[in-house]
Amino acid sequence: MAVRPKISDIPRIRAALKFYRVFAYITGSFLLLLCLEMILKYTGIHREIYLLSPAGFLALVPWNPVDPQKLSGVNLSTGILIAHGWLYVVYLFSDFRLWSLMRWPFSRFIQIALGGVVPFLSFIVEGFITRRTNRELVALEAPVPVEVTN
């Protein structure tokens, strides 16, 4: 028999779903930025993104792994890397919160967690999870039919 969420948890589930949705989009967006940064850095382009550097307000600065430059300014490439890592931790927390309130199997937790690792997948997984959660909440809120006996 499948374990259903508690009716008393419905307001907490709705809040957890909203929190999850926000961080699914934030994490997905930062993952795409991270992919762009890696393409700029590790392909033949060999550039890093800098903010407020001598090269300009927002500039692609040559990157050399053997002889790194010491530039003034903010290295946005490193900032994107660090931000995505911490935002993914918050995404996992939002995943855990929704998963535990919905009382889903552990495999669903892993499926949602993978959404923040594969580019574009967090947007797709978010849609599936939102629809599934809303369907389950509607079924949970539906009145239980009463049997009338003679």
N, C-alpha and C. Protein backbone atom coordinates (compact mmCIF):
# COMPACT_ATOMS: atom_id res chain seq x y z
N MET A 1 0.83 -1.18 0.00
CA MET A 1 0.00 0.00 0.00
C MET A 1 0.89 1.25 0.00
N ALA A 2 0.58 2.17 -0.87
CA ALA A 2 1.36 3.41 -0.97
C ALA A 2 1.05 4.33 0.21
N VAL A 3 2.09 4.98 0.71
CA VAL A 3 1.93 5.91 1.81
C VAL A 3 1.55 7.27 1.23
N ARG A 4 0.47 7.83 1.76
CA ARG A 4 0.01 9.13 1.28
C ARG A 4 0.44 10.23 2.23
N PRO A 5 0.58 11.44 1.72
CA PRO A 5 0.92 12.55 2.61
C PRO A 5 -0.23 12.83 3.59
N LYS A 6 0.10 13.48 4.68
CA LYS A 6 -0.92 13.84 5.66
C LYS A 6 -1.73 15.03 5.15
N ILE A 7 -3.01 15.02 5.40
CA ILE A 7 -3.87 16.13 4.99
C ILE A 7 -3.44 17.41 5.71
N SER A 8 -3.01 17.27 6.94
CA SER A 8 -2.58 18.46 7.70
C SER A 8 -1.31 19.09 7.12
N ASP A 9 -0.58 18.36 6.28
CA ASP A 9 0.65 18.88 5.68
C ASP A 9 0.42 19.61 4.35
N ILE A 10 -0.80 19.69 3.88
CA ILE A 10 -1.07 20.30 2.57
C ILE A 10 -0.53 21.72 2.47
N PRO A 11 -0.74 22.61 3.46
CA PRO A 11 -0.14 23.95 3.34
C PRO A 11 1.39 23.92 3.28
N ARG A 12 2.00 23.03 4.06
CA ARG A 12 3.46 22.91 4.03
C ARG A 12 3.93 22.34 2.68
N ILE A 13 3.16 21.44 2.10
CA ILE A 13 3.51 20.86 0.80
C ILE A 13 3.46 21.95 -0.28
N ARG A 14 2.41 22.77 -0.24
CA ARG A 14 2.31 23.86 -1.23
C ARG A 14 3.49 24.83 -1.11
N ALA A 15 3.89 25.16 0.11
CA ALA A 15 5.04 26.04 0.32
C ALA A 15 6.33 25.36 -0.16
N ALA A 16 6.48 24.06 0.14
CA ALA A 16 7.67 23.32 -0.30
C ALA A 16 7.73 23.24 -1.82
N LEU A 17 6.57 23.07 -2.45
CA LEU A 17 6.54 23.01 -3.92
C LEU A 17 6.95 24.34 -4.52
N LYS A 18 6.49 25.43 -3.96
CA LYS A 18 6.86 26.76 -4.46
C LYS A 18 8.36 26.99 -4.30
N PHE A 19 8.91 26.63 -3.13
CA PHE A 19 10.34 26.75 -2.87
C PHE A 19 11.14 25.90 -3.86
N TYR A 20 10.69 24.67 -4.08
CA TYR A 20 11.35 23.78 -5.03
C TYR A 20 11.34 24.37 -6.44
N ARG A 21 10.18 24.88 -6.86
CA ARG A 21 10.07 25.42 -8.22
C ARG A 21 11.04 26.58 -8.43
N VAL A 22 11.11 27.48 -7.46
CA VAL A 22 12.02 28.63 -7.57
C VAL A 22 13.45 28.15 -7.73
N PHE A 23 13.87 27.21 -6.88
CA PHE A 23 15.26 26.77 -6.95
C PHE A 23 15.53 25.84 -8.12
N ALA A 24 14.54 25.20 -8.66
CA ALA A 24 14.73 24.43 -9.89
C ALA A 24 15.12 25.37 -11.03
N TYR A 25 14.44 26.51 -11.12
CA TYR A 25 14.76 27.47 -12.19
C TYR A 25 16.09 28.17 -11.93
N ILE A 26 16.35 28.54 -10.69
CA ILE A 26 17.63 29.20 -10.38
C ILE A 26 18.80 28.26 -10.64
N THR A 27 18.70 27.03 -10.15
CA THR A 27 19.78 26.05 -10.33
C THR A 27 19.97 25.72 -11.80
N GLY A 28 18.87 25.54 -12.53
CA GLY A 28 18.96 25.26 -13.96
C GLY A 28 19.62 26.39 -14.72
N SER A 29 19.29 27.63 -14.36
CA SER A 29 19.88 28.78 -15.03
C SER A 29 21.38 28.87 -14.75
N PHE A 30 21.76 28.65 -13.49
CA PHE A 30 23.19 28.70 -13.17
C PHE A 30 23.95 27.53 -13.78
N LEU A 31 23.29 26.40 -13.96
CA LEU A 31 23.95 25.28 -14.62
C LEU A 31 24.22 25.62 -16.09
N LEU A 32 23.29 26.30 -16.73
CA LEU A 32 23.51 26.73 -18.12
C LEU A 32 24.64 27.76 -18.19
N LEU A 33 24.68 28.68 -17.22
CA LEU A 33 25.79 29.65 -17.17
C LEU A 33 27.12 28.93 -16.96
N LEU A 34 27.10 27.92 -16.11
CA LEU A 34 28.32 27.14 -15.86
C LEU A 34 28.78 26.42 -17.13
N CYS A 35 27.84 25.88 -17.88
CA CYS A 35 28.20 25.22 -19.16
C CYS A 35 28.81 26.23 -20.13
N LEU A 36 28.23 27.42 -20.21
CA LEU A 36 28.77 28.47 -21.07
C LEU A 36 30.18 28.83 -20.62
N GLU A 37 30.36 28.98 -19.33
CA GLU A 37 31.68 29.32 -18.79
C GLU A 37 32.70 28.24 -19.12
N MET A 38 32.32 26.98 -19.00
CA MET A 38 33.25 25.88 -19.31
C MET A 38 33.58 25.83 -20.79
N ILE A 39 32.61 26.12 -21.63
CA ILE A 39 32.86 26.15 -23.08
C ILE A 39 33.86 27.27 -23.39
N LEU A 40 33.64 28.44 -22.78
CA LEU A 40 34.56 29.56 -23.03
C LEU A 40 35.97 29.26 -22.53
N LYS A 41 36.07 28.53 -21.43
CA LYS A 41 37.37 28.32 -20.80
C LYS A 41 38.13 27.12 -21.38
N TYR A 42 37.45 26.01 -21.58
CA TYR A 42 38.15 24.76 -21.89
C TYR A 42 38.13 24.35 -23.35
N THR A 43 37.46 25.08 -24.20
CA THR A 43 37.55 24.79 -25.63
C THR A 43 38.64 25.69 -26.21
N GLY A 44 38.72 25.79 -27.48
CA GLY A 44 39.76 26.59 -28.12
C GLY A 44 39.65 28.07 -27.86
N ILE A 45 38.58 28.53 -27.23
CA ILE A 45 38.39 29.96 -26.99
C ILE A 45 39.32 30.45 -25.87
N HIS A 46 39.49 29.65 -24.81
CA HIS A 46 40.38 29.96 -23.67
C HIS A 46 40.15 31.36 -23.11
N ARG A 47 38.93 31.62 -22.67
CA ARG A 47 38.58 32.93 -22.09
C ARG A 47 37.86 32.74 -20.76
N GLU A 48 38.02 33.73 -19.89
CA GLU A 48 37.27 33.81 -18.64
C GLU A 48 36.45 35.09 -18.67
N ILE A 49 35.37 35.09 -17.92
CA ILE A 49 34.49 36.25 -17.87
C ILE A 49 34.89 37.09 -16.65
N TYR A 50 35.20 38.35 -16.89
CA TYR A 50 35.57 39.28 -15.81
C TYR A 50 34.62 40.47 -15.79
N LEU A 51 34.35 40.94 -14.59
CA LEU A 51 33.52 42.12 -14.38
C LEU A 51 34.40 43.21 -13.77
N LEU A 52 34.28 44.42 -14.27
CA LEU A 52 35.03 45.58 -13.76
C LEU A 52 36.55 45.37 -13.80
N SER A 53 37.02 44.83 -14.91
CA SER A 53 38.46 44.61 -15.08
C SER A 53 39.04 45.73 -15.94
N PRO A 54 40.36 45.81 -16.05
CA PRO A 54 40.96 46.80 -16.94
C PRO A 54 40.52 46.62 -18.41
N ALA A 55 40.05 45.41 -18.76
CA ALA A 55 39.61 45.14 -20.13
C ALA A 55 38.22 45.70 -20.40
N GLY A 56 37.49 46.11 -19.36
CA GLY A 56 36.16 46.69 -19.55
C GLY A 56 35.21 46.28 -18.44
N PHE A 57 33.99 46.82 -18.54
CA PHE A 57 32.98 46.53 -17.53
C PHE A 57 32.68 45.04 -17.44
N LEU A 58 32.44 44.43 -18.59
CA LEU A 58 32.21 42.98 -18.70
C LEU A 58 33.06 42.51 -19.87
N ALA A 59 34.06 41.67 -19.61
CA ALA A 59 35.02 41.33 -20.67
C ALA A 59 35.37 39.85 -20.63
N LEU A 60 35.67 39.33 -21.82
CA LEU A 60 36.24 37.99 -21.96
C LEU A 60 37.75 38.15 -21.99
N VAL A 61 38.40 37.65 -20.95
CA VAL A 61 39.83 37.84 -20.77
C VAL A 61 40.54 36.53 -21.11
N PRO A 62 41.66 36.58 -21.84
CA PRO A 62 42.39 35.34 -22.16
C PRO A 62 42.75 34.55 -20.89
N TRP A 63 42.63 33.23 -20.99
CA TRP A 63 42.92 32.34 -19.87
C TRP A 63 44.03 31.39 -20.28
N ASN A 64 45.05 31.30 -19.44
CA ASN A 64 46.16 30.40 -19.69
C ASN A 64 46.38 29.58 -18.42
N PRO A 65 46.08 28.27 -18.44
CA PRO A 65 46.21 27.48 -17.22
C PRO A 65 47.66 27.34 -16.73
N VAL A 66 48.63 27.50 -17.63
CA VAL A 66 50.03 27.36 -17.25
C VAL A 66 50.53 28.63 -16.56
N ASP A 67 50.14 29.79 -17.08
CA ASP A 67 50.58 31.08 -16.53
C ASP A 67 49.36 31.97 -16.31
N PRO A 68 48.61 31.74 -15.19
CA PRO A 68 47.40 32.52 -14.97
C PRO A 68 47.71 33.99 -14.71
N GLN A 69 46.87 34.85 -15.25
CA GLN A 69 47.03 36.29 -15.06
C GLN A 69 46.47 36.69 -13.71
N LYS A 70 47.03 37.73 -13.13
CA LYS A 70 46.49 38.31 -11.91
C LYS A 70 45.85 39.64 -12.30
N LEU A 71 44.54 39.59 -12.58
CA LEU A 71 43.83 40.79 -13.00
C LEU A 71 43.03 41.36 -11.85
N SER A 72 42.87 42.67 -11.89
CA SER A 72 41.94 43.27 -10.94
C SER A 72 40.54 43.11 -11.54
N GLY A 73 39.57 43.14 -10.70
CA GLY A 73 38.20 42.93 -11.15
C GLY A 73 37.64 41.66 -10.54
N VAL A 74 36.43 41.36 -10.90
CA VAL A 74 35.73 40.20 -10.36
C VAL A 74 35.73 39.10 -11.42
N ASN A 75 36.26 37.93 -11.06
CA ASN A 75 36.28 36.79 -11.97
C ASN A 75 34.89 36.13 -11.91
N LEU A 76 34.02 36.45 -12.87
CA LEU A 76 32.67 35.90 -12.89
C LEU A 76 32.68 34.40 -13.19
N SER A 77 33.69 33.92 -13.87
CA SER A 77 33.78 32.48 -14.16
C SER A 77 33.85 31.69 -12.86
N THR A 78 34.70 32.12 -11.96
CA THR A 78 34.81 31.46 -10.66
C THR A 78 33.54 31.69 -9.84
N GLY A 79 32.98 32.88 -9.91
CA GLY A 79 31.75 33.19 -9.18
C GLY A 79 30.59 32.31 -9.61
N ILE A 80 30.46 32.07 -10.91
CA ILE A 80 29.40 31.21 -11.43
C ILE A 80 29.59 29.78 -10.91
N LEU A 81 30.83 29.30 -10.91
CA LEU A 81 31.14 27.96 -10.42
C LEU A 81 30.75 27.80 -8.95
N ILE A 82 31.15 28.74 -8.13
CA ILE A 82 30.87 28.68 -6.70
C ILE A 82 29.37 28.83 -6.44
N ALA A 83 28.75 29.79 -7.10
CA ALA A 83 27.31 30.04 -6.90
C ALA A 83 26.49 28.81 -7.28
N HIS A 84 26.83 28.18 -8.41
CA HIS A 84 26.06 26.99 -8.81
C HIS A 84 26.21 25.89 -7.76
N GLY A 85 27.39 25.71 -7.22
CA GLY A 85 27.60 24.67 -6.21
C GLY A 85 26.73 24.89 -4.99
N TRP A 86 26.70 26.11 -4.47
CA TRP A 86 25.88 26.40 -3.29
C TRP A 86 24.40 26.39 -3.61
N LEU A 87 24.02 26.88 -4.77
CA LEU A 87 22.60 26.85 -5.15
C LEU A 87 22.11 25.42 -5.35
N TYR A 88 22.99 24.53 -5.80
CA TYR A 88 22.61 23.13 -5.94
C TYR A 88 22.35 22.50 -4.57
N VAL A 89 23.11 22.92 -3.57
CA VAL A 89 22.87 22.42 -2.21
C VAL A 89 21.47 22.86 -1.74
N VAL A 90 21.10 24.10 -2.00
CA VAL A 90 19.76 24.58 -1.63
C VAL A 90 18.70 23.83 -2.45
N TYR A 91 19.00 23.56 -3.72
CA TYR A 91 18.09 22.79 -4.56
C TYR A 91 17.87 21.39 -3.97
N LEU A 92 18.94 20.76 -3.50
CA LEU A 92 18.81 19.45 -2.87
C LEU A 92 17.97 19.53 -1.59
N PHE A 93 18.14 20.59 -0.84
CA PHE A 93 17.32 20.78 0.35
C PHE A 93 15.85 20.92 -0.03
N SER A 94 15.55 21.70 -1.07
CA SER A 94 14.16 21.86 -1.51
C SER A 94 13.60 20.54 -2.02
N ASP A 95 14.43 19.76 -2.69
CA ASP A 95 14.05 18.42 -3.15
C ASP A 95 13.71 17.55 -1.95
N PHE A 96 14.59 17.54 -0.95
CA PHE A 96 14.38 16.70 0.24
C PHE A 96 13.11 17.11 0.98
N ARG A 97 12.89 18.40 1.10
CA ARG A 97 11.71 18.89 1.82
C ARG A 97 10.42 18.44 1.14
N LEU A 98 10.33 18.63 -0.17
CA LEU A 98 9.14 18.22 -0.90
C LEU A 98 8.99 16.70 -0.88
N TRP A 99 10.08 16.00 -1.12
CA TRP A 99 10.06 14.53 -1.14
C TRP A 99 9.58 13.96 0.19
N SER A 100 10.10 14.49 1.30
CA SER A 100 9.71 13.95 2.60
C SER A 100 8.26 14.27 2.95
N LEU A 101 7.78 15.45 2.59
CA LEU A 101 6.38 15.79 2.88
C LEU A 101 5.41 14.97 2.02
N MET A 102 5.83 14.69 0.79
CA MET A 102 4.96 13.92 -0.12
C MET A 102 5.05 12.42 0.14
N ARG A 103 6.05 12.00 0.92
CA ARG A 103 6.25 10.60 1.27
C ARG A 103 6.43 9.71 0.03
N TRP A 104 7.23 10.22 -0.88
CA TRP A 104 7.53 9.48 -2.10
C TRP A 104 8.64 8.47 -1.84
N PRO A 105 8.81 7.50 -2.75
CA PRO A 105 9.95 6.56 -2.61
C PRO A 105 11.28 7.29 -2.84
N PHE A 106 12.35 6.72 -2.31
CA PHE A 106 13.67 7.34 -2.40
C PHE A 106 14.12 7.54 -3.85
N SER A 107 13.69 6.67 -4.73
CA SER A 107 14.07 6.79 -6.14
C SER A 107 13.60 8.12 -6.73
N ARG A 108 12.48 8.64 -6.27
CA ARG A 108 11.99 9.94 -6.77
C ARG A 108 12.90 11.06 -6.29
N PHE A 109 13.41 10.96 -5.07
CA PHE A 109 14.36 11.96 -4.57
C PHE A 109 15.58 12.02 -5.49
N ILE A 110 16.10 10.85 -5.86
CA ILE A 110 17.28 10.79 -6.74
C ILE A 110 16.94 11.37 -8.11
N GLN A 111 15.77 11.05 -8.65
CA GLN A 111 15.36 11.59 -9.95
C GLN A 111 15.32 13.11 -9.93
N ILE A 112 14.75 13.67 -8.88
CA ILE A 112 14.68 15.13 -8.77
C ILE A 112 16.08 15.71 -8.61
N ALA A 113 16.92 15.07 -7.81
CA ALA A 113 18.29 15.56 -7.59
C ALA A 113 19.08 15.61 -8.89
N LEU A 114 18.88 14.65 -9.77
CA LEU A 114 19.59 14.64 -11.05
C LEU A 114 19.18 15.80 -11.94
N GLY A 115 18.02 16.37 -11.67
CA GLY A 115 17.57 17.53 -12.45
C GLY A 115 18.52 18.71 -12.35
N GLY A 116 19.24 18.85 -11.26
CA GLY A 116 20.17 19.95 -11.10
C GLY A 116 21.57 19.67 -11.61
N VAL A 117 21.77 18.49 -12.21
CA VAL A 117 23.09 18.09 -12.68
C VAL A 117 23.18 18.11 -14.21
N VAL A 118 22.10 17.77 -14.87
CA VAL A 118 22.08 17.69 -16.34
C VAL A 118 21.47 18.98 -16.89
N PRO A 119 22.18 19.67 -17.80
CA PRO A 119 21.64 20.92 -18.35
C PRO A 119 20.23 20.73 -18.94
N PHE A 120 19.37 21.69 -18.69
CA PHE A 120 17.98 21.76 -19.13
C PHE A 120 17.06 20.79 -18.40
N LEU A 121 17.60 19.79 -17.71
CA LEU A 121 16.76 18.78 -17.09
C LEU A 121 15.98 19.34 -15.90
N SER A 122 16.53 20.31 -15.19
CA SER A 122 15.79 20.84 -14.03
C SER A 122 14.48 21.48 -14.47
N PHE A 123 14.45 22.08 -15.65
CA PHE A 123 13.22 22.70 -16.14
C PHE A 123 12.18 21.63 -16.49
N ILE A 124 12.63 20.53 -17.05
CA ILE A 124 11.73 19.44 -17.43
C ILE A 124 11.22 18.71 -16.19
N VAL A 125 12.14 18.38 -15.28
CA VAL A 125 11.76 17.67 -14.05
C VAL A 125 10.81 18.54 -13.23
N GLU A 126 11.07 19.83 -13.17
CA GLU A 126 10.20 20.74 -12.41
C GLU A 126 8.76 20.65 -12.91
N GLY A 127 8.58 20.62 -14.21
CA GLY A 127 7.23 20.51 -14.77
C GLY A 127 6.54 19.21 -14.37
N PHE A 128 7.27 18.11 -14.48
CA PHE A 128 6.70 16.81 -14.09
C PHE A 128 6.36 16.76 -12.60
N ILE A 129 7.27 17.24 -11.77
CA ILE A 129 7.06 17.18 -10.32
C ILE A 129 5.91 18.09 -9.90
N THR A 130 5.82 19.27 -10.49
CA THR A 130 4.73 20.18 -10.16
C THR A 130 3.38 19.56 -10.53
N ARG A 131 3.29 19.00 -11.73
CA ARG A 131 2.02 18.37 -12.14
C ARG A 131 1.68 17.18 -11.25
N ARG A 132 2.66 16.35 -10.95
CA ARG A 132 2.42 15.18 -10.10
C ARG A 132 1.98 15.59 -8.70
N THR A 133 2.67 16.57 -8.13
CA THR A 133 2.33 17.04 -6.78
C THR A 133 0.91 17.61 -6.76
N ASN A 134 0.59 18.44 -7.74
CA ASN A 134 -0.75 19.03 -7.79
C ASN A 134 -1.82 17.96 -7.96
N ARG A 135 -1.57 16.95 -8.79
CA ARG A 135 -2.52 15.85 -8.96
C ARG A 135 -2.74 15.11 -7.65
N GLU A 136 -1.64 14.82 -6.95
CA GLU A 136 -1.74 14.09 -5.69
C GLU A 136 -2.44 14.94 -4.62
N LEU A 137 -2.20 16.24 -4.63
CA LEU A 137 -2.88 17.11 -3.66
C LEU A 137 -4.37 17.20 -3.93
N VAL A 138 -4.77 17.25 -5.20
CA VAL A 138 -6.19 17.27 -5.56
C VAL A 138 -6.85 15.98 -5.10
N ALA A 139 -6.18 14.85 -5.32
CA ALA A 139 -6.73 13.57 -4.90
C ALA A 139 -6.81 13.48 -3.37
N LEU A 140 -5.85 14.07 -2.70
CA LEU A 140 -5.84 14.05 -1.24
C LEU A 140 -6.95 14.93 -0.65
N GLU A 141 -7.22 16.04 -1.32
CA GLU A 141 -8.24 16.97 -0.84
C GLU A 141 -9.66 16.55 -1.23
N ALA A 142 -9.78 15.63 -2.16
CA ALA A 142 -11.11 15.20 -2.62
C ALA A 142 -11.85 14.54 -1.46
N PRO A 143 -13.14 14.80 -1.36
CA PRO A 143 -13.90 14.16 -0.28
C PRO A 143 -13.98 12.65 -0.49
N VAL A 144 -13.91 11.95 0.62
CA VAL A 144 -13.98 10.49 0.57
C VAL A 144 -15.45 10.09 0.41
N PRO A 145 -15.76 9.27 -0.61
CA PRO A 145 -17.16 8.88 -0.81
C PRO A 145 -17.64 8.01 0.37
N VAL A 146 -18.83 8.32 0.81
CA VAL A 146 -19.42 7.59 1.93
C VAL A 146 -20.37 6.54 1.37
N GLU A 147 -20.19 5.31 1.85
CA GLU A 147 -21.06 4.22 1.41
C GLU A 147 -22.34 4.24 2.25
N VAL A 148 -23.46 4.14 1.56
CA VAL A 148 -24.75 4.09 2.25
C VAL A 148 -25.23 2.64 2.22
N THR A 149 -25.50 2.12 3.41
CA THR A 149 -26.00 0.75 3.48
C THR A 149 -27.44 0.75 3.95
N ASN A 150 -28.21 -0.24 3.51
CA ASN A 150 -29.63 -0.33 3.89
C ASN A 150 -29.80 -1.12 5.13
